[in-house]
Amino acid sequence: MQAHKISTFTDKTGRLVNLPTFKPMQQVELIVLFPLQEDSLPVNKRRPPEKLKGVLLETGDIFSSAPHEDWGIS
């Protein structure tokens, strides 16, 4: 198969416009991507509860809390 990138829009009825014409009985594979809404947050974005924000402060060396072998950096 050969890949061709086509960026198009839909008309007022929701049908795609400006699609290329194809040969009769030709096999075509389509991958449809929809752009994300700019104003919505990603679903997998994790945040701490409001009551826990700012409670934990890292003030020391966190690497000394476990052996170097456990960190996988030595």
PDB file of N, CA and C in Angstrom:
ATOM      1  N   MET A   1       0.839  -1.183   0.000  1.00  0.00           N
ATOM      2  CA  MET A   1       0.000   0.000   0.000  1.00  0.00           C
ATOM      3  C   MET A   1       0.879   1.240   0.000  1.00  0.00           C
ATOM      4  N   GLN A   2       0.365   2.281  -0.573  1.00  0.00           N
ATOM      5  CA  GLN A   2       1.030   3.560  -0.611  1.00  0.00           C
ATOM      6  C   GLN A   2       0.265   4.524   0.276  1.00  0.00           C
ATOM      7  N   ALA A   3       0.963   5.341   1.038  1.00  0.00           N
ATOM      8  CA  ALA A   3       0.298   6.272   1.945  1.00  0.00           C
ATOM      9  C   ALA A   3       0.185   7.647   1.306  1.00  0.00           C
ATOM     10  N   HIS A   4      -0.970   8.246   1.465  1.00  0.00           N
ATOM     11  CA  HIS A   4      -1.221   9.615   1.024  1.00  0.00           C
ATOM     12  C   HIS A   4      -1.918  10.340   2.164  1.00  0.00           C
ATOM     13  N   LYS A   5      -1.374  11.491   2.566  1.00  0.00           N
ATOM     14  CA  LYS A   5      -2.000  12.269   3.632  1.00  0.00           C
ATOM     15  C   LYS A   5      -2.986  13.247   3.003  1.00  0.00           C
ATOM     16  N   ILE A   6      -4.219  13.207   3.487  1.00  0.00           N
ATOM     17  CA  ILE A   6      -5.261  14.084   2.983  1.00  0.00           C
ATOM     18  C   ILE A   6      -5.859  14.809   4.178  1.00  0.00           C
ATOM     19  N   SER A   7      -5.807  16.113   4.172  1.00  0.00           N
ATOM     20  CA  SER A   7      -6.448  16.904   5.214  1.00  0.00           C
ATOM     21  C   SER A   7      -7.682  17.542   4.600  1.00  0.00           C
ATOM     22  N   THR A   8      -8.834  17.284   5.173  1.00  0.00           N
ATOM     23  CA  THR A   8     -10.085  17.763   4.598  1.00  0.00           C
ATOM     24  C   THR A   8     -11.027  18.218   5.697  1.00  0.00           C
ATOM     25  N   PHE A   9     -12.186  18.682   5.324  1.00  0.00           N
ATOM     26  CA  PHE A   9     -13.202  19.166   6.249  1.00  0.00           C
ATOM     27  C   PHE A   9     -14.518  18.476   5.946  1.00  0.00           C
ATOM     28  N   THR A  10     -15.482  18.703   6.822  1.00  0.00           N
ATOM     29  CA  THR A  10     -16.829  18.201   6.564  1.00  0.00           C
ATOM     30  C   THR A  10     -17.736  19.361   6.189  1.00  0.00           C
ATOM     31  N   ASP A  11     -18.778  19.051   5.436  1.00  0.00           N
ATOM     32  CA  ASP A  11     -19.753  20.089   5.077  1.00  0.00           C
ATOM     33  C   ASP A  11     -20.791  20.203   6.189  1.00  0.00           C
ATOM     34  N   LYS A  12     -21.839  20.984   5.961  1.00  0.00           N
ATOM     35  CA  LYS A  12     -22.827  21.225   7.015  1.00  0.00           C
ATOM     36  C   LYS A  12     -23.625  19.988   7.386  1.00  0.00           C
ATOM     37  N   THR A  13     -23.573  18.940   6.561  1.00  0.00           N
ATOM     38  CA  THR A  13     -24.257  17.694   6.902  1.00  0.00           C
ATOM     39  C   THR A  13     -23.311  16.667   7.541  1.00  0.00           C
ATOM     40  N   GLY A  14     -22.023  17.024   7.670  1.00  0.00           N
ATOM     41  CA  GLY A  14     -21.054  16.122   8.293  1.00  0.00           C
ATOM     42  C   GLY A  14     -20.352  15.199   7.321  1.00  0.00           C
ATOM     43  N   ARG A  15     -20.532  15.394   6.023  1.00  0.00           N
ATOM     44  CA  ARG A  15     -19.875  14.542   5.023  1.00  0.00           C
ATOM     45  C   ARG A  15     -18.537  15.146   4.615  1.00  0.00           C
ATOM     46  N   LEU A  16     -17.564  14.284   4.371  1.00  0.00           N
ATOM     47  CA  LEU A  16     -16.240  14.745   3.970  1.00  0.00           C
ATOM     48  C   LEU A  16     -16.283  15.370   2.580  1.00  0.00           C
ATOM     49  N   VAL A  17     -15.545  16.449   2.415  1.00  0.00           N
ATOM     50  CA  VAL A  17     -15.481  17.124   1.117  1.00  0.00           C
ATOM     51  C   VAL A  17     -14.068  16.987   0.554  1.00  0.00           C
ATOM     52  N   ASN A  18     -13.967  17.117  -0.755  1.00  0.00           N
ATOM     53  CA  ASN A  18     -12.689  17.106  -1.479  1.00  0.00           C
ATOM     54  C   ASN A  18     -11.894  15.814  -1.308  1.00  0.00           C
ATOM     55  N   LEU A  19     -12.575  14.685  -1.259  1.00  0.00           N
ATOM     56  CA  LEU A  19     -11.869  13.408  -1.245  1.00  0.00           C
ATOM     57  C   LEU A  19     -11.468  13.048  -2.673  1.00  0.00           C
ATOM     58  N   PRO A  20     -10.346  12.360  -2.848  1.00  0.00           N
ATOM     59  CA  PRO A  20      -9.956  11.963  -4.194  1.00  0.00           C
ATOM     60  C   PRO A  20     -10.892  10.879  -4.737  1.00  0.00           C
ATOM     61  N   THR A  21     -10.892  10.705  -6.041  1.00  0.00           N
ATOM     62  CA  THR A  21     -11.672   9.617  -6.629  1.00  0.00           C
ATOM     63  C   THR A  21     -10.817   8.355  -6.645  1.00  0.00           C
ATOM     64  N   PHE A  22     -11.470   7.222  -6.533  1.00  0.00           N
ATOM     65  CA  PHE A  22     -10.776   5.945  -6.480  1.00  0.00           C
ATOM     66  C   PHE A  22     -11.189   5.077  -7.666  1.00  0.00           C
ATOM     67  N   LYS A  23     -10.344   4.090  -7.946  1.00  0.00           N
ATOM     68  CA  LYS A  23     -10.661   3.132  -8.998  1.00  0.00           C
ATOM     69  C   LYS A  23     -11.800   2.239  -8.527  1.00  0.00           C
ATOM     70  N   PRO A  24     -12.596   1.712  -9.428  1.00  0.00           N
ATOM     71  CA  PRO A  24     -13.662   0.788  -9.021  1.00  0.00           C
ATOM     72  C   PRO A  24     -13.078  -0.465  -8.356  1.00  0.00           C
ATOM     73  N   MET A  25     -13.714  -0.903  -7.313  1.00  0.00           N
ATOM     74  CA  MET A  25     -13.356  -2.125  -6.579  1.00  0.00           C
ATOM     75  C   MET A  25     -11.937  -2.052  -6.005  1.00  0.00           C
ATOM     76  N   GLN A  26     -11.457  -0.866  -5.694  1.00  0.00           N
ATOM     77  CA  GLN A  26     -10.119  -0.692  -5.131  1.00  0.00           C
ATOM     78  C   GLN A  26     -10.199  -0.770  -3.615  1.00  0.00           C
ATOM     79  N   GLN A  27      -9.252  -1.470  -3.001  1.00  0.00           N
ATOM     80  CA  GLN A  27      -9.200  -1.560  -1.550  1.00  0.00           C
ATOM     81  C   GLN A  27      -8.530  -0.298  -1.016  1.00  0.00           C
ATOM     82  N   VAL A  28      -9.175   0.345  -0.048  1.00  0.00           N
ATOM     83  CA  VAL A  28      -8.675   1.576   0.543  1.00  0.00           C
ATOM     84  C   VAL A  28      -8.760   1.437   2.052  1.00  0.00           C
ATOM     85  N   GLU A  29      -7.696   1.831   2.756  1.00  0.00           N
ATOM     86  CA  GLU A  29      -7.690   1.805   4.214  1.00  0.00           C
ATOM     87  C   GLU A  29      -7.591   3.247   4.699  1.00  0.00           C
ATOM     88  N   LEU A  30      -8.540   3.655   5.531  1.00  0.00           N
ATOM     89  CA  LEU A  30      -8.584   5.021   6.030  1.00  0.00           C
ATOM     90  C   LEU A  30      -8.313   5.044   7.523  1.00  0.00           C
ATOM     91  N   ILE A  31      -7.535   6.025   7.963  1.00  0.00           N
ATOM     92  CA  ILE A  31      -7.311   6.282   9.380  1.00  0.00           C
ATOM     93  C   ILE A  31      -7.806   7.699   9.622  1.00  0.00           C
ATOM     94  N   VAL A  32      -8.790   7.842  10.479  1.00  0.00           N
ATOM     95  CA  VAL A  32      -9.404   9.142  10.723  1.00  0.00           C
ATOM     96  C   VAL A  32      -8.904   9.673  12.060  1.00  0.00           C
ATOM     97  N   LEU A  33      -8.344  10.879  12.057  1.00  0.00           N
ATOM     98  CA  LEU A  33      -7.861  11.527  13.272  1.00  0.00           C
ATOM     99  C   LEU A  33      -8.659  12.804  13.501  1.00  0.00           C
ATOM    100  N   PHE A  34      -9.118  12.991  14.720  1.00  0.00           N
ATOM    101  CA  PHE A  34      -9.850  14.193  15.074  1.00  0.00           C
ATOM    102  C   PHE A  34      -8.970  15.044  15.974  1.00  0.00           C
ATOM    103  N   PRO A  35      -8.825  16.337  15.684  1.00  0.00           N
ATOM    104  CA  PRO A  35      -8.013  17.190  16.549  1.00  0.00           C
ATOM    105  C   PRO A  35      -8.653  17.314  17.925  1.00  0.00           C
ATOM    106  N   LEU A  36      -7.802  17.423  18.955  1.00  0.00           N
ATOM    107  CA  LEU A  36      -8.298  17.556  20.323  1.00  0.00           C
ATOM    108  C   LEU A  36      -8.874  18.943  20.535  1.00  0.00           C
ATOM    109  N   GLN A  37      -9.831  19.023  21.422  1.00  0.00           N
ATOM    110  CA  GLN A  37     -10.377  20.320  21.796  1.00  0.00           C
ATOM    111  C   GLN A  37      -9.314  21.067  22.587  1.00  0.00           C
ATOM    112  N   GLU A  38      -9.058  22.298  22.243  1.00  0.00           N
ATOM    113  CA  GLU A  38      -8.019  23.087  22.906  1.00  0.00           C
ATOM    114  C   GLU A  38      -8.391  23.427  24.347  1.00  0.00           C
ATOM    115  N   ASP A  39      -9.680  23.589  24.621  1.00  0.00           N
ATOM    116  CA  ASP A  39     -10.091  24.032  25.942  1.00  0.00           C
ATOM    117  C   ASP A  39     -10.315  22.892  26.924  1.00  0.00           C
ATOM    118  N   SER A  40     -10.242  21.642  26.492  1.00  0.00           N
ATOM    119  CA  SER A  40     -10.464  20.528  27.403  1.00  0.00           C
ATOM    120  C   SER A  40      -9.138  19.967  27.900  1.00  0.00           C
ATOM    121  N   LEU A  41      -9.138  19.484  29.133  1.00  0.00           N
ATOM    122  CA  LEU A  41      -7.943  18.879  29.715  1.00  0.00           C
ATOM    123  C   LEU A  41      -7.822  17.436  29.247  1.00  0.00           C
ATOM    124  N   PRO A  42      -6.601  16.934  29.089  1.00  0.00           N
ATOM    125  CA  PRO A  42      -6.444  15.519  28.738  1.00  0.00           C
ATOM    126  C   PRO A  42      -7.049  14.625  29.824  1.00  0.00           C
ATOM    127  N   VAL A  43      -7.598  13.499  29.414  1.00  0.00           N
ATOM    128  CA  VAL A  43      -8.267  12.596  30.346  1.00  0.00           C
ATOM    129  C   VAL A  43      -7.285  12.008  31.350  1.00  0.00           C
ATOM    130  N   ASN A  44      -6.056  11.702  30.903  1.00  0.00           N
ATOM    131  CA  ASN A  44      -5.097  11.047  31.789  1.00  0.00           C
ATOM    132  C   ASN A  44      -4.278  12.030  32.625  1.00  0.00           C
ATOM    133  N   LYS A  45      -4.630  13.296  32.655  1.00  0.00           N
ATOM    134  CA  LYS A  45      -3.919  14.294  33.454  1.00  0.00           C
ATOM    135  C   LYS A  45      -4.282  14.085  34.914  1.00  0.00           C
ATOM    136  N   ARG A  46      -3.270  13.797  35.745  1.00  0.00           N
ATOM    137  CA  ARG A  46      -3.511  13.536  37.154  1.00  0.00           C
ATOM    138  C   ARG A  46      -3.106  14.747  37.974  1.00  0.00           C
ATOM    139  N   ARG A  47      -3.893  15.052  38.980  1.00  0.00           N
ATOM    140  CA  ARG A  47      -3.615  16.165  39.867  1.00  0.00           C
ATOM    141  C   ARG A  47      -3.875  15.727  41.301  1.00  0.00           C
ATOM    142  N   PRO A  48      -3.094  16.259  42.241  1.00  0.00           N
ATOM    143  CA  PRO A  48      -3.355  15.916  43.644  1.00  0.00           C
ATOM    144  C   PRO A  48      -4.610  16.607  44.140  1.00  0.00           C
ATOM    145  N   PRO A  49      -5.228  16.049  45.160  1.00  0.00           N
ATOM    146  CA  PRO A  49      -6.377  16.730  45.753  1.00  0.00           C
ATOM    147  C   PRO A  49      -5.974  18.106  46.272  1.00  0.00           C
ATOM    148  N   GLU A  50      -6.910  19.026  46.281  1.00  0.00           N
ATOM    149  CA  GLU A  50      -6.626  20.396  46.712  1.00  0.00           C
ATOM    150  C   GLU A  50      -6.061  20.447  48.132  1.00  0.00           C
ATOM    151  N   LYS A  51      -6.538  19.573  49.040  1.00  0.00           N
ATOM    152  CA  LYS A  51      -6.084  19.634  50.431  1.00  0.00           C
ATOM    153  C   LYS A  51      -4.643  19.138  50.597  1.00  0.00           C
ATOM    154  N   LEU A  52      -4.088  18.438  49.585  1.00  0.00           N
ATOM    155  CA  LEU A  52      -2.715  17.950  49.679  1.00  0.00           C
ATOM    156  C   LEU A  52      -1.703  18.826  48.934  1.00  0.00           C
ATOM    157  N   LYS A  53      -2.150  19.793  48.181  1.00  0.00           N
ATOM    158  CA  LYS A  53      -1.241  20.656  47.430  1.00  0.00           C
ATOM    159  C   LYS A  53      -0.371  21.464  48.380  1.00  0.00           C
ATOM    160  N   GLY A  54       0.944  21.403  48.168  1.00  0.00           N
ATOM    161  CA  GLY A  54       1.883  22.186  48.965  1.00  0.00           C
ATOM    162  C   GLY A  54       2.227  21.576  50.300  1.00  0.00           C
ATOM    163  N   VAL A  55       1.710  20.388  50.633  1.00  0.00           N
ATOM    164  CA  VAL A  55       1.991  19.771  51.922  1.00  0.00           C
ATOM    165  C   VAL A  55       3.378  19.132  51.922  1.00  0.00           C
ATOM    166  N   LEU A  56       3.768  18.474  50.847  1.00  0.00           N
ATOM    167  CA  LEU A  56       5.043  17.779  50.775  1.00  0.00           C
ATOM    168  C   LEU A  56       6.090  18.706  50.169  1.00  0.00           C
ATOM    169  N   LEU A  57       7.164  18.906  50.899  1.00  0.00           N
ATOM    170  CA  LEU A  57       8.270  19.709  50.407  1.00  0.00           C
ATOM    171  C   LEU A  57       9.523  18.842  50.370  1.00  0.00           C
ATOM    172  N   GLU A  58      10.169  18.758  49.236  1.00  0.00           N
ATOM    173  CA  GLU A  58      11.424  18.001  49.110  1.00  0.00           C
ATOM    174  C   GLU A  58      12.566  18.950  49.418  1.00  0.00           C
ATOM    175  N   THR A  59      13.200  18.738  50.554  1.00  0.00           N
ATOM    176  CA  THR A  59      14.267  19.652  50.964  1.00  0.00           C
ATOM    177  C   THR A  59      15.628  18.980  51.027  1.00  0.00           C
ATOM    178  N   GLY A  60      15.675  17.681  50.806  1.00  0.00           N
ATOM    179  CA  GLY A  60      16.950  16.978  50.939  1.00  0.00           C
ATOM    180  C   GLY A  60      17.294  16.192  49.697  1.00  0.00           C
ATOM    181  N   ASP A  61      18.287  15.330  49.841  1.00  0.00           N
ATOM    182  CA  ASP A  61      18.762  14.482  48.759  1.00  0.00           C
ATOM    183  C   ASP A  61      17.883  13.233  48.710  1.00  0.00           C
ATOM    184  N   ILE A  62      17.049  13.112  47.692  1.00  0.00           N
ATOM    185  CA  ILE A  62      16.154  11.958  47.616  1.00  0.00           C
ATOM    186  C   ILE A  62      16.897  10.690  47.203  1.00  0.00           C
ATOM    187  N   PHE A  63      18.079  10.818  46.585  1.00  0.00           N
ATOM    188  CA  PHE A  63      18.835   9.643  46.164  1.00  0.00           C
ATOM    189  C   PHE A  63      19.412   8.884  47.359  1.00  0.00           C
ATOM    190  N   SER A  64      19.619   9.555  48.484  1.00  0.00           N
ATOM    191  CA  SER A  64      20.183   8.868  49.647  1.00  0.00           C
ATOM    192  C   SER A  64      19.144   8.017  50.370  1.00  0.00           C
ATOM    193  N   SER A  65      17.905   8.085  49.963  1.00  0.00           N
ATOM    194  CA  SER A  65      16.853   7.331  50.645  1.00  0.00           C
ATOM    195  C   SER A  65      16.829   5.855  50.215  1.00  0.00           C
ATOM    196  N   ALA A  66      17.528   5.496  49.162  1.00  0.00           N
ATOM    197  CA  ALA A  66      17.587   4.108  48.687  1.00  0.00           C
ATOM    198  C   ALA A  66      18.982   3.849  48.122  1.00  0.00           C
ATOM    199  N   PRO A  67      19.418   2.571  48.102  1.00  0.00           N
ATOM    200  CA  PRO A  67      20.725   2.262  47.539  1.00  0.00           C
ATOM    201  C   PRO A  67      20.810   2.649  46.062  1.00  0.00           C
ATOM    202  N   HIS A  68      22.017   2.938  45.592  1.00  0.00           N
ATOM    203  CA  HIS A  68      22.217   3.339  44.202  1.00  0.00           C
ATOM    204  C   HIS A  68      21.755   2.255  43.225  1.00  0.00           C
ATOM    205  N   GLU A  69      21.838   0.986  43.607  1.00  0.00           N
ATOM    206  CA  GLU A  69      21.406  -0.088  42.727  1.00  0.00           C
ATOM    207  C   GLU A  69      19.905  -0.002  42.437  1.00  0.00           C
ATOM    208  N   ASP A  70      19.146   0.467  43.424  1.00  0.00           N
ATOM    209  CA  ASP A  70      17.701   0.568  43.239  1.00  0.00           C
ATOM    210  C   ASP A  70      17.308   1.669  42.260  1.00  0.00           C
ATOM    211  N   TRP A  71      18.129   2.670  42.126  1.00  0.00           N
ATOM    212  CA  TRP A  71      17.847   3.774  41.211  1.00  0.00           C
ATOM    213  C   TRP A  71      18.219   3.420  39.774  1.00  0.00           C
ATOM    214  N   GLY A  72      19.065   2.411  39.573  1.00  0.00           N
ATOM    215  CA  GLY A  72      19.464   2.004  38.238  1.00  0.00           C
ATOM    216  C   GLY A  72      20.383   3.011  37.552  1.00  0.00           C
ATOM    217  N   ILE A  73      21.178   3.748  38.331  1.00  0.00           N
ATOM    218  CA  ILE A  73      22.062   4.753  37.748  1.00  0.00           C
ATOM    219  C   ILE A  73      23.537   4.468  38.018  1.00  0.00           C
ATOM    220  N   SER A  74      23.851   3.437  38.778  1.00  0.00           N
ATOM    221  CA  SER A  74      25.261   3.192  39.070  1.00  0.00           C
ATOM    222  C   SER A  74      25.825   2.060  38.227  1.00  0.00           C
TER     223      SER A  74
END
